[in-house]
Amino acid sequence: FADVVDRVRGAVVSVKVKVTEDAESDDSKPNIPQLS
């Protein structure tokens, strides 16, 4: 399939997307002890 691949590969791209993750919910936060 080399000839076909040579013709088509220039139109194929890699899509990179920035994904922003929100801060974790209160339920997921560690339980920090009350300190003096």
All heavy atoms as atom14 arrays in JSON, in Angstrom:
{
  "sequence": "FADVVDRVRGAVVSVKVKVTEDAESDDSKPNIPQLS",
  "atom14_mask": [
    [1, 1, 1, 1, 1, 1, 1, 1, 1, 1, 1, 0, 0, 0],
    [1, 1, 1, 1, 1, 0, 0, 0, 0, 0, 0, 0, 0, 0],
    [1, 1, 1, 1, 1, 1, 1, 1, 0, 0, 0, 0, 0, 0],
    [1, 1, 1, 1, 1, 1, 1, 0, 0, 0, 0, 0, 0, 0],
    [1, 1, 1, 1, 1, 1, 1, 0, 0, 0, 0, 0, 0, 0],
    [1, 1, 1, 1, 1, 1, 1, 1, 0, 0, 0, 0, 0, 0],
    [1, 1, 1, 1, 1, 1, 1, 1, 1, 1, 1, 0, 0, 0],
    [1, 1, 1, 1, 1, 1, 1, 0, 0, 0, 0, 0, 0, 0],
    [1, 1, 1, 1, 1, 1, 1, 1, 1, 1, 1, 0, 0, 0],
    [1, 1, 1, 1, 0, 0, 0, 0, 0, 0, 0, 0, 0, 0],
    [1, 1, 1, 1, 1, 0, 0, 0, 0, 0, 0, 0, 0, 0],
    [1, 1, 1, 1, 1, 1, 1, 0, 0, 0, 0, 0, 0, 0],
    [1, 1, 1, 1, 1, 1, 1, 0, 0, 0, 0, 0, 0, 0],
    [1, 1, 1, 1, 1, 1, 0, 0, 0, 0, 0, 0, 0, 0],
    [1, 1, 1, 1, 1, 1, 1, 0, 0, 0, 0, 0, 0, 0],
    [1, 1, 1, 1, 1, 1, 1, 1, 1, 0, 0, 0, 0, 0],
    [1, 1, 1, 1, 1, 1, 1, 0, 0, 0, 0, 0, 0, 0],
    [1, 1, 1, 1, 1, 1, 1, 1, 1, 0, 0, 0, 0, 0],
    [1, 1, 1, 1, 1, 1, 1, 0, 0, 0, 0, 0, 0, 0],
    [1, 1, 1, 1, 1, 1, 1, 0, 0, 0, 0, 0, 0, 0],
    [1, 1, 1, 1, 1, 1, 1, 1, 1, 0, 0, 0, 0, 0],
    [1, 1, 1, 1, 1, 1, 1, 1, 0, 0, 0, 0, 0, 0],
    [1, 1, 1, 1, 1, 0, 0, 0, 0, 0, 0, 0, 0, 0],
    [1, 1, 1, 1, 1, 1, 1, 1, 1, 0, 0, 0, 0, 0],
    [1, 1, 1, 1, 1, 1, 0, 0, 0, 0, 0, 0, 0, 0],
    [1, 1, 1, 1, 1, 1, 1, 1, 0, 0, 0, 0, 0, 0],
    [1, 1, 1, 1, 1, 1, 1, 1, 0, 0, 0, 0, 0, 0],
    [1, 1, 1, 1, 1, 1, 0, 0, 0, 0, 0, 0, 0, 0],
    [1, 1, 1, 1, 1, 1, 1, 1, 1, 0, 0, 0, 0, 0],
    [1, 1, 1, 1, 1, 1, 1, 0, 0, 0, 0, 0, 0, 0],
    [1, 1, 1, 1, 1, 1, 1, 1, 0, 0, 0, 0, 0, 0],
    [1, 1, 1, 1, 1, 1, 1, 1, 0, 0, 0, 0, 0, 0],
    [1, 1, 1, 1, 1, 1, 1, 0, 0, 0, 0, 0, 0, 0],
    [1, 1, 1, 1, 1, 1, 1, 1, 1, 0, 0, 0, 0, 0],
    [1, 1, 1, 1, 1, 1, 1, 1, 0, 0, 0, 0, 0, 0],
    [1, 1, 1, 1, 1, 1, 0, 0, 0, 0, 0, 0, 0, 0]
  ],
  "atom14_positions": [
    [[0.83, -1.2, 0.0], [0.0, 0.0, 0.0], [0.87, 1.25, 0.0], [0.38, 2.35, 0.27], [-0.9, 0.02, 1.24], [-1.92, -1.09, 1.27], [-1.72, -2.21, 2.07], [-3.06, -1.03, 0.49], [-2.65, -3.22, 2.11], [-4.0, -2.04, 0.52], [-3.8, -3.15, 1.33], [0.0, 0.0, 0.0], [0.0, 0.0, 0.0], [0.0, 0.0, 0.0]],
    [[2.15, 1.1, -0.29], [3.1, 2.2, -0.16], [2.73, 3.41, -1.0], [2.83, 4.56, -0.54], [4.51, 1.73, -0.51], [0.0, 0.0, 0.0], [0.0, 0.0, 0.0], [0.0, 0.0, 0.0], [0.0, 0.0, 0.0], [0.0, 0.0, 0.0], [0.0, 0.0, 0.0], [0.0, 0.0, 0.0], [0.0, 0.0, 0.0], [0.0, 0.0, 0.0]],
    [[2.29, 3.2, -2.24], [1.95, 4.33, -3.1], [0.75, 5.1, -2.55], [0.72, 6.33, -2.6], [1.64, 3.84, -4.52], [2.9, 3.37, -5.25], [4.0, 3.69, -4.78], [2.76, 2.69, -6.3], [0.0, 0.0, 0.0], [0.0, 0.0, 0.0], [0.0, 0.0, 0.0], [0.0, 0.0, 0.0], [0.0, 0.0, 0.0], [0.0, 0.0, 0.0]],
    [[-0.24, 4.38, -2.05], [-1.42, 5.04, -1.47], [-1.0, 5.85, -0.25], [-1.39, 7.01, -0.09], [-2.49, 4.0, -1.08], [-3.67, 4.69, -0.39], [-2.97, 3.23, -2.29], [0.0, 0.0, 0.0], [0.0, 0.0, 0.0], [0.0, 0.0, 0.0], [0.0, 0.0, 0.0], [0.0, 0.0, 0.0], [0.0, 0.0, 0.0], [0.0, 0.0, 0.0]],
    [[-0.21, 5.25, 0.61], [0.22, 5.93, 1.83], [1.02, 7.19, 1.51], [0.83, 8.24, 2.14], [1.05, 4.97, 2.72], [1.65, 5.73, 3.91], [0.19, 3.81, 3.19], [0.0, 0.0, 0.0], [0.0, 0.0, 0.0], [0.0, 0.0, 0.0], [0.0, 0.0, 0.0], [0.0, 0.0, 0.0], [0.0, 0.0, 0.0], [0.0, 0.0, 0.0]],
    [[1.9, 7.11, 0.52], [2.69, 8.28, 0.13], [1.79, 9.44, -0.28], [2.12, 10.61, -0.04], [3.63, 7.93, -1.02], [4.82, 7.1, -0.56], [5.06, 7.05, 0.67], [5.5, 6.51, -1.42], [0.0, 0.0, 0.0], [0.0, 0.0, 0.0], [0.0, 0.0, 0.0], [0.0, 0.0, 0.0], [0.0, 0.0, 0.0], [0.0, 0.0, 0.0]],
    [[0.66, 9.13, -0.91], [-0.22, 10.19, -1.38], [-1.07, 10.79, -0.27], [-1.4, 11.97, -0.3], [-1.13, 9.66, -2.49], [-0.4, 9.33, -3.79], [-1.39, 9.26, -4.93], [-2.48, 8.32, -4.66], [-2.42, 7.02, -4.94], [-1.3, 6.5, -5.44], [-3.44, 6.24, -4.7], [0.0, 0.0, 0.0], [0.0, 0.0, 0.0], [0.0, 0.0, 0.0]],
    [[-1.45, 9.99, 0.72], [-2.43, 10.48, 1.7], [-1.82, 11.02, 2.99], [-2.45, 11.82, 3.68], [-3.43, 9.37, 2.06], [-4.13, 8.87, 0.82], [-2.76, 8.22, 2.8], [0.0, 0.0, 0.0], [0.0, 0.0, 0.0], [0.0, 0.0, 0.0], [0.0, 0.0, 0.0], [0.0, 0.0, 0.0], [0.0, 0.0, 0.0], [0.0, 0.0, 0.0]],
    [[-0.61, 10.62, 3.32], [-0.09, 10.91, 4.65], [0.07, 12.4, 4.92], [0.0, 12.85, 6.06], [1.22, 10.18, 4.89], [2.38, 10.6, 4.01], [3.61, 9.76, 4.34], [3.85, 9.72, 5.77], [4.27, 8.64, 6.44], [4.48, 7.51, 5.78], [4.46, 8.7, 7.73], [0.0, 0.0, 0.0], [0.0, 0.0, 0.0], [0.0, 0.0, 0.0]],
    [[0.25, 13.22, 3.88], [0.41, 14.66, 4.1], [-0.83, 15.34, 4.61], [-0.77, 16.45, 5.15], [0.0, 0.0, 0.0], [0.0, 0.0, 0.0], [0.0, 0.0, 0.0], [0.0, 0.0, 0.0], [0.0, 0.0, 0.0], [0.0, 0.0, 0.0], [0.0, 0.0, 0.0], [0.0, 0.0, 0.0], [0.0, 0.0, 0.0], [0.0, 0.0, 0.0]],
    [[-1.99, 14.71, 4.48], [-3.25, 15.31, 4.93], [-3.64, 14.86, 6.32], [-4.64, 15.33, 6.88], [-4.36, 14.98, 3.94], [0.0, 0.0, 0.0], [0.0, 0.0, 0.0], [0.0, 0.0, 0.0], [0.0, 0.0, 0.0], [0.0, 0.0, 0.0], [0.0, 0.0, 0.0], [0.0, 0.0, 0.0], [0.0, 0.0, 0.0], [0.0, 0.0, 0.0]],
    [[-2.89, 13.93, 6.9], [-3.21, 13.44, 8.25], [-2.4, 14.24, 9.26], [-1.21, 14.46, 9.08], [-2.91, 11.94, 8.38], [-3.3, 11.44, 9.76], [-3.65, 11.17, 7.31], [0.0, 0.0, 0.0], [0.0, 0.0, 0.0], [0.0, 0.0, 0.0], [0.0, 0.0, 0.0], [0.0, 0.0, 0.0], [0.0, 0.0, 0.0], [0.0, 0.0, 0.0]],
    [[-3.04, 14.67, 10.32], [-2.39, 15.54, 11.3], [-2.56, 14.98, 12.7], [-3.43, 14.16, 12.97], [-2.96, 16.97, 11.24], [-2.67, 17.61, 9.9], [-4.45, 16.97, 11.52], [0.0, 0.0, 0.0], [0.0, 0.0, 0.0], [0.0, 0.0, 0.0], [0.0, 0.0, 0.0], [0.0, 0.0, 0.0], [0.0, 0.0, 0.0], [0.0, 0.0, 0.0]],
    [[-1.72, 15.48, 13.6], [-1.86, 15.2, 15.02], [-2.59, 16.37, 15.65], [-2.27, 17.53, 15.4], [-0.49, 15.03, 15.67], [-0.62, 14.99, 17.07], [0.0, 0.0, 0.0], [0.0, 0.0, 0.0], [0.0, 0.0, 0.0], [0.0, 0.0, 0.0], [0.0, 0.0, 0.0], [0.0, 0.0, 0.0], [0.0, 0.0, 0.0], [0.0, 0.0, 0.0]],
    [[-3.61, 16.08, 16.44], [-4.39, 17.12, 17.11], [-3.97, 17.17, 18.58], [-4.14, 16.2, 19.31], [-5.9, 16.83, 17.02], [-6.69, 17.95, 17.69], [-6.32, 16.68, 15.57], [0.0, 0.0, 0.0], [0.0, 0.0, 0.0], [0.0, 0.0, 0.0], [0.0, 0.0, 0.0], [0.0, 0.0, 0.0], [0.0, 0.0, 0.0], [0.0, 0.0, 0.0]],
    [[-3.42, 18.3, 18.99], [-3.01, 18.5, 20.38], [-3.94, 19.52, 21.03], [-4.16, 20.6, 20.48], [-1.57, 18.97, 20.47], [-0.55, 17.94, 19.99], [0.87, 18.42, 20.24], [1.89, 17.34, 19.85], [3.28, 17.77, 20.12], [0.0, 0.0, 0.0], [0.0, 0.0, 0.0], [0.0, 0.0, 0.0], [0.0, 0.0, 0.0], [0.0, 0.0, 0.0]],
    [[-4.47, 19.17, 22.18], [-5.46, 20.02, 22.84], [-5.08, 20.21, 24.3], [-4.81, 19.24, 25.01], [-6.88, 19.38, 22.76], [-7.91, 20.31, 23.37], [-7.23, 19.04, 21.33], [0.0, 0.0, 0.0], [0.0, 0.0, 0.0], [0.0, 0.0, 0.0], [0.0, 0.0, 0.0], [0.0, 0.0, 0.0], [0.0, 0.0, 0.0], [0.0, 0.0, 0.0]],
    [[-5.08, 21.46, 24.76], [-4.84, 21.74, 26.18], [-6.13, 21.48, 26.94], [-7.19, 22.0, 26.59], [-4.39, 23.18, 26.37], [-2.98, 23.45, 25.9], [-2.56, 24.88, 26.23], [-1.12, 25.15, 25.78], [-0.71, 26.54, 26.08], [0.0, 0.0, 0.0], [0.0, 0.0, 0.0], [0.0, 0.0, 0.0], [0.0, 0.0, 0.0], [0.0, 0.0, 0.0]],
    [[-6.02, 20.67, 27.99], [-7.17, 20.34, 28.82], [-6.9, 20.85, 30.22], [-5.96, 20.41, 30.88], [-7.42, 18.82, 28.87], [-8.61, 18.51, 29.77], [-7.67, 18.29, 27.46], [0.0, 0.0, 0.0], [0.0, 0.0, 0.0], [0.0, 0.0, 0.0], [0.0, 0.0, 0.0], [0.0, 0.0, 0.0], [0.0, 0.0, 0.0], [0.0, 0.0, 0.0]],
    [[-7.71, 21.82, 30.68], [-7.54, 22.37, 32.02], [-8.41, 21.6, 32.98], [-9.63, 21.53, 32.82], [-7.93, 23.85, 32.05], [-7.11, 24.56, 31.12], [-7.72, 24.43, 33.44], [0.0, 0.0, 0.0], [0.0, 0.0, 0.0], [0.0, 0.0, 0.0], [0.0, 0.0, 0.0], [0.0, 0.0, 0.0], [0.0, 0.0, 0.0], [0.0, 0.0, 0.0]],
    [[-7.78, 21.03, 34.01], [-8.51, 20.28, 35.02], [-8.85, 21.2, 36.17], [-7.99, 21.92, 36.69], [-7.69, 19.1, 35.52], [-7.47, 18.06, 34.45], [-7.21, 16.71, 35.07], [-6.75, 16.68, 36.21], [-7.47, 15.7, 34.41], [0.0, 0.0, 0.0], [0.0, 0.0, 0.0], [0.0, 0.0, 0.0], [0.0, 0.0, 0.0], [0.0, 0.0, 0.0]],
    [[-10.11, 21.17, 36.6], [-10.54, 22.01, 37.72], [-9.95, 21.52, 39.02], [-9.52, 20.37, 39.15], [-12.07, 22.0, 37.84], [-12.71, 22.64, 36.62], [-12.07, 23.53, 36.02], [-13.84, 22.25, 36.29], [0.0, 0.0, 0.0], [0.0, 0.0, 0.0], [0.0, 0.0, 0.0], [0.0, 0.0, 0.0], [0.0, 0.0, 0.0], [0.0, 0.0, 0.0]],
    [[-9.96, 22.41, 40.0], [-9.51, 22.02, 41.33], [-10.39, 20.91, 41.84], [-11.58, 20.83, 41.54], [-9.56, 23.22, 42.28], [0.0, 0.0, 0.0], [0.0, 0.0, 0.0], [0.0, 0.0, 0.0], [0.0, 0.0, 0.0], [0.0, 0.0, 0.0], [0.0, 0.0, 0.0], [0.0, 0.0, 0.0], [0.0, 0.0, 0.0], [0.0, 0.0, 0.0]],
    [[-9.82, 20.03, 42.62], [-10.58, 18.9, 43.15], [-11.66, 19.38, 44.1], [-11.55, 20.42, 44.73], [-9.63, 17.94, 43.87], [-8.62, 17.29, 42.94], [-7.65, 16.43, 43.72], [-7.04, 16.95, 44.66], [-7.52, 15.26, 43.37], [0.0, 0.0, 0.0], [0.0, 0.0, 0.0], [0.0, 0.0, 0.0], [0.0, 0.0, 0.0], [0.0, 0.0, 0.0]],
    [[-12.72, 18.62, 44.19], [-13.82, 18.99, 45.07], [-13.41, 18.84, 46.52], [-12.41, 18.21, 46.86], [-15.02, 18.07, 44.8], [-14.7, 16.75, 45.16], [0.0, 0.0, 0.0], [0.0, 0.0, 0.0], [0.0, 0.0, 0.0], [0.0, 0.0, 0.0], [0.0, 0.0, 0.0], [0.0, 0.0, 0.0], [0.0, 0.0, 0.0], [0.0, 0.0, 0.0]],
    [[-14.2, 19.44, 47.4], [-13.88, 19.38, 48.84], [-13.84, 17.95, 49.33], [-13.09, 17.61, 50.23], [-14.92, 20.17, 49.64], [-14.78, 21.68, 49.4], [-13.68, 22.1, 48.99], [-15.76, 22.4, 49.63], [0.0, 0.0, 0.0], [0.0, 0.0, 0.0], [0.0, 0.0, 0.0], [0.0, 0.0, 0.0], [0.0, 0.0, 0.0], [0.0, 0.0, 0.0]],
    [[-14.68, 17.08, 48.73], [-14.72, 15.69, 49.18], [-13.41, 14.97, 48.9], [-13.09, 13.97, 49.54], [-15.85, 14.95, 48.45], [-17.2, 15.41, 48.93], [-17.27, 16.0, 50.02], [-18.19, 15.19, 48.19], [0.0, 0.0, 0.0], [0.0, 0.0, 0.0], [0.0, 0.0, 0.0], [0.0, 0.0, 0.0], [0.0, 0.0, 0.0], [0.0, 0.0, 0.0]],
    [[-12.62, 15.47, 47.92], [-11.39, 14.79, 47.55], [-10.18, 15.34, 48.28], [-9.09, 14.84, 48.13], [-11.17, 14.9, 46.04], [-10.97, 16.26, 45.68], [0.0, 0.0, 0.0], [0.0, 0.0, 0.0], [0.0, 0.0, 0.0], [0.0, 0.0, 0.0], [0.0, 0.0, 0.0], [0.0, 0.0, 0.0], [0.0, 0.0, 0.0], [0.0, 0.0, 0.0]],
    [[-10.37, 16.43, 49.04], [-9.24, 17.03, 49.73], [-8.85, 16.19, 50.94], [-9.7, 15.66, 51.65], [-9.59, 18.44, 50.19], [-9.81, 19.41, 49.04], [-10.18, 20.78, 49.56], [-10.44, 21.76, 48.41], [-10.84, 23.1, 48.9], [0.0, 0.0, 0.0], [0.0, 0.0, 0.0], [0.0, 0.0, 0.0], [0.0, 0.0, 0.0], [0.0, 0.0, 0.0]],
    [[-7.57, 16.05, 51.21], [-7.13, 15.29, 52.37], [-7.63, 15.92, 53.66], [-7.83, 17.13, 53.74], [-5.6, 15.37, 52.28], [-5.31, 15.71, 50.86], [-6.44, 16.55, 50.4], [0.0, 0.0, 0.0], [0.0, 0.0, 0.0], [0.0, 0.0, 0.0], [0.0, 0.0, 0.0], [0.0, 0.0, 0.0], [0.0, 0.0, 0.0], [0.0, 0.0, 0.0]],
    [[-7.8, 15.11, 54.64], [-8.26, 15.58, 55.93], [-7.06, 16.04, 56.75], [-6.33, 15.24, 57.33], [-9.01, 14.44, 56.65], [-9.59, 14.91, 57.98], [-9.73, 16.11, 58.2], [-9.93, 13.96, 58.82], [0.0, 0.0, 0.0], [0.0, 0.0, 0.0], [0.0, 0.0, 0.0], [0.0, 0.0, 0.0], [0.0, 0.0, 0.0], [0.0, 0.0, 0.0]],
    [[-6.83, 17.36, 56.78], [-5.68, 17.9, 57.51], [-6.08, 18.1, 58.96], [-7.06, 18.77, 59.25], [-5.24, 19.24, 56.89], [-4.88, 19.03, 55.42], [-4.08, 19.83, 57.67], [-4.54, 20.31, 54.71], [0.0, 0.0, 0.0], [0.0, 0.0, 0.0], [0.0, 0.0, 0.0], [0.0, 0.0, 0.0], [0.0, 0.0, 0.0], [0.0, 0.0, 0.0]],
    [[-5.34, 17.55, 59.9], [-5.7, 17.66, 61.3], [-5.58, 19.09, 61.81], [-4.8, 19.89, 61.3], [-4.69, 16.75, 62.0], [-3.52, 16.73, 61.07], [-4.09, 16.81, 59.7], [0.0, 0.0, 0.0], [0.0, 0.0, 0.0], [0.0, 0.0, 0.0], [0.0, 0.0, 0.0], [0.0, 0.0, 0.0], [0.0, 0.0, 0.0], [0.0, 0.0, 0.0]],
    [[-6.4, 19.43, 62.8], [-6.31, 20.74, 63.45], [-5.08, 20.75, 64.37], [-4.91, 19.88, 65.21], [-7.57, 21.01, 64.26], [-8.84, 21.1, 63.41], [-8.77, 22.31, 62.5], [-8.29, 23.37, 62.88], [-9.26, 22.14, 61.27], [0.0, 0.0, 0.0], [0.0, 0.0, 0.0], [0.0, 0.0, 0.0], [0.0, 0.0, 0.0], [0.0, 0.0, 0.0]],
    [[-4.21, 21.72, 64.15], [-2.95, 21.78, 64.91], [-2.93, 23.03, 65.78], [-3.5, 24.07, 65.43], [-1.76, 21.8, 63.95], [-1.69, 20.61, 62.97], [-0.56, 20.85, 61.97], [-1.48, 19.31, 63.72], [0.0, 0.0, 0.0], [0.0, 0.0, 0.0], [0.0, 0.0, 0.0], [0.0, 0.0, 0.0], [0.0, 0.0, 0.0], [0.0, 0.0, 0.0]],
    [[-2.25, 22.92, 66.9], [-2.12, 24.08, 67.78], [-1.17, 25.09, 67.17], [-0.3, 24.75, 66.38], [-1.59, 23.63, 69.16], [-0.29, 23.09, 69.01], [0.0, 0.0, 0.0], [0.0, 0.0, 0.0], [0.0, 0.0, 0.0], [0.0, 0.0, 0.0], [0.0, 0.0, 0.0], [0.0, 0.0, 0.0], [0.0, 0.0, 0.0], [0.0, 0.0, 0.0]]
  ]
}
